[in-house]
Amino acid sequence: MSSIDWHAALPMTDDQRRNALADMELIACGEELDLPWRRVRILLDHKLAVVQHPVLTAGSRTSLGLTDHGLRIMDAAGARQTNRA
């Protein structure tokens, strides 16, 4: 029997990590409408974001929200930025 988890997401590249942080910031501000699907998919695959339904927004009944894991990643990145300043 193989111990490979075929459903696990591949590790993110440095560019994907930078994009993920920027995309999560947009989601936190409610500005996720123009995110490309390929980047949303990465957030979903890594359990950083979740599709929320139903929500009350203009013209839609779904939205993207951040998971607890996604919020922890953002907090850690913010702490690193604060320590550098």
C-alpha atoms as a PDB file:
ATOM      1  CA  MET A   1       0.000   0.000   0.000  1.00  0.00           C
ATOM      2  CA  SER A   2       1.351   3.435  -0.939  1.00  0.00           C
ATOM      3  CA  SER A   3       1.624   6.189   1.667  1.00  0.00           C
ATOM      4  CA  ILE A   4       1.282   8.978  -0.902  1.00  0.00           C
ATOM      5  CA  ASP A   5      -1.503  11.445  -0.167  1.00  0.00           C
ATOM      6  CA  TRP A   6      -2.865  12.081  -3.672  1.00  0.00           C
ATOM      7  CA  HIS A   7      -5.104  14.866  -2.360  1.00  0.00           C
ATOM      8  CA  ALA A   8      -2.373  16.933  -0.707  1.00  0.00           C
ATOM      9  CA  ALA A   9      -1.441  20.201  -2.395  1.00  0.00           C
ATOM     10  CA  LEU A  10       2.104  20.588  -3.664  1.00  0.00           C
ATOM     11  CA  PRO A  11       4.249  23.024  -1.655  1.00  0.00           C
ATOM     12  CA  MET A  12       3.946  26.630  -2.815  1.00  0.00           C
ATOM     13  CA  THR A  13       6.786  28.314  -4.644  1.00  0.00           C
ATOM     14  CA  ASP A  14       8.123  31.642  -3.354  1.00  0.00           C
ATOM     15  CA  ASP A  15       6.082  33.498  -5.998  1.00  0.00           C
ATOM     16  CA  GLN A  16       2.942  31.595  -5.032  1.00  0.00           C
ATOM     17  CA  ARG A  17       3.529  32.451  -1.343  1.00  0.00           C
ATOM     18  CA  ARG A  18       3.902  36.140  -2.150  1.00  0.00           C
ATOM     19  CA  ASN A  19       0.786  36.057  -4.342  1.00  0.00           C
ATOM     20  CA  ALA A  20      -1.140  34.136  -1.676  1.00  0.00           C
ATOM     21  CA  LEU A  21      -0.369  36.774   0.962  1.00  0.00           C
ATOM     22  CA  ALA A  22      -1.404  39.576  -1.393  1.00  0.00           C
ATOM     23  CA  ASP A  23      -4.565  37.679  -2.374  1.00  0.00           C
ATOM     24  CA  MET A  24      -5.492  36.992   1.259  1.00  0.00           C
ATOM     25  CA  GLU A  25      -5.095  40.703   1.969  1.00  0.00           C
ATOM     26  CA  LEU A  26      -7.561  41.441  -0.853  1.00  0.00           C
ATOM     27  CA  ILE A  27      -9.997  38.871   0.547  1.00  0.00           C
ATOM     28  CA  ALA A  28      -9.708  40.389   4.032  1.00  0.00           C
ATOM     29  CA  CYS A  29     -10.632  43.773   2.509  1.00  0.00           C
ATOM     30  CA  GLY A  30     -13.534  42.301   0.515  1.00  0.00           C
ATOM     31  CA  GLU A  31     -11.802  43.018  -2.804  1.00  0.00           C
ATOM     32  CA  GLU A  32     -11.459  39.460  -4.135  1.00  0.00           C
ATOM     33  CA  LEU A  33     -13.717  39.918  -7.165  1.00  0.00           C
ATOM     34  CA  ASP A  34     -10.894  40.285  -9.716  1.00  0.00           C
ATOM     35  CA  LEU A  35      -8.680  37.445  -8.448  1.00  0.00           C
ATOM     36  CA  PRO A  36      -7.834  34.969 -11.207  1.00  0.00           C
ATOM     37  CA  TRP A  37      -9.279  31.491 -10.658  1.00  0.00           C
ATOM     38  CA  ARG A  38      -5.822  29.832 -10.800  1.00  0.00           C
ATOM     39  CA  ARG A  39      -4.757  31.882  -7.750  1.00  0.00           C
ATOM     40  CA  VAL A  40      -8.026  31.299  -5.897  1.00  0.00           C
ATOM     41  CA  ARG A  41      -7.524  27.576  -6.504  1.00  0.00           C
ATOM     42  CA  ILE A  42      -4.128  27.701  -4.782  1.00  0.00           C
ATOM     43  CA  LEU A  43      -5.680  29.375  -1.736  1.00  0.00           C
ATOM     44  CA  LEU A  44      -8.413  26.742  -1.614  1.00  0.00           C
ATOM     45  CA  ASP A  45      -6.002  23.823  -2.147  1.00  0.00           C
ATOM     46  CA  HIS A  46      -3.792  24.997   0.718  1.00  0.00           C
ATOM     47  CA  LYS A  47      -6.811  25.609   2.956  1.00  0.00           C
ATOM     48  CA  LEU A  48      -6.028  29.318   3.255  1.00  0.00           C
ATOM     49  CA  ALA A  49      -9.443  30.405   1.979  1.00  0.00           C
ATOM     50  CA  VAL A  50     -12.938  28.987   1.814  1.00  0.00           C
ATOM     51  CA  VAL A  51     -16.019  29.695  -0.294  1.00  0.00           C
ATOM     52  CA  GLN A  52     -18.740  31.112   1.925  1.00  0.00           C
ATOM     53  CA  HIS A  53     -22.392  30.621   1.094  1.00  0.00           C
ATOM     54  CA  PRO A  54     -24.854  32.229   1.559  1.00  0.00           C
ATOM     55  CA  VAL A  55     -23.644  35.773   2.054  1.00  0.00           C
ATOM     56  CA  LEU A  56     -25.341  39.077   1.440  1.00  0.00           C
ATOM     57  CA  THR A  57     -23.300  40.925  -1.176  1.00  0.00           C
ATOM     58  CA  ALA A  58     -24.348  43.001  -4.138  1.00  0.00           C
ATOM     59  CA  GLY A  59     -24.968  40.681  -7.080  1.00  0.00           C
ATOM     60  CA  SER A  60     -23.741  37.440  -5.517  1.00  0.00           C
ATOM     61  CA  ARG A  61     -24.629  34.901  -2.881  1.00  0.00           C
ATOM     62  CA  THR A  62     -21.114  33.525  -2.465  1.00  0.00           C
ATOM     63  CA  SER A  63     -17.907  35.058  -1.241  1.00  0.00           C
ATOM     64  CA  LEU A  64     -14.376  34.068  -0.291  1.00  0.00           C
ATOM     65  CA  GLY A  65     -13.304  34.091   3.332  1.00  0.00           C
ATOM     66  CA  LEU A  66     -10.083  33.259   5.113  1.00  0.00           C
ATOM     67  CA  THR A  67      -9.705  30.087   7.143  1.00  0.00           C
ATOM     68  CA  ASP A  68      -8.106  30.030  10.601  1.00  0.00           C
ATOM     69  CA  HIS A  69      -4.986  28.640   8.915  1.00  0.00           C
ATOM     70  CA  GLY A  70      -4.987  31.532   6.435  1.00  0.00           C
ATOM     71  CA  LEU A  71      -5.370  34.073   9.236  1.00  0.00           C
ATOM     72  CA  ARG A  72      -2.445  32.515  11.147  1.00  0.00           C
ATOM     73  CA  ILE A  73      -0.275  32.730   8.007  1.00  0.00           C
ATOM     74  CA  MET A  74      -1.187  36.401   7.593  1.00  0.00           C
ATOM     75  CA  ASP A  75      -0.470  37.121  11.277  1.00  0.00           C
ATOM     76  CA  ALA A  76       2.929  35.432  11.028  1.00  0.00           C
ATOM     77  CA  ALA A  77       3.799  37.407   7.886  1.00  0.00           C
ATOM     78  CA  GLY A  78       2.704  40.637   9.564  1.00  0.00           C
ATOM     79  CA  ALA A  79       4.842  39.868  12.614  1.00  0.00           C
ATOM     80  CA  ARG A  80       7.873  39.278  10.387  1.00  0.00           C
ATOM     81  CA  GLN A  81       7.274  42.626   8.637  1.00  0.00           C
ATOM     82  CA  THR A  82       6.974  44.394  12.004  1.00  0.00           C
ATOM     83  CA  ASN A  83      10.223  42.853  13.269  1.00  0.00           C
ATOM     84  CA  ARG A  84      12.088  44.040  10.161  1.00  0.00           C
ATOM     85  CA  ALA A  85      10.984  47.656  10.579  1.00  0.00           C
END
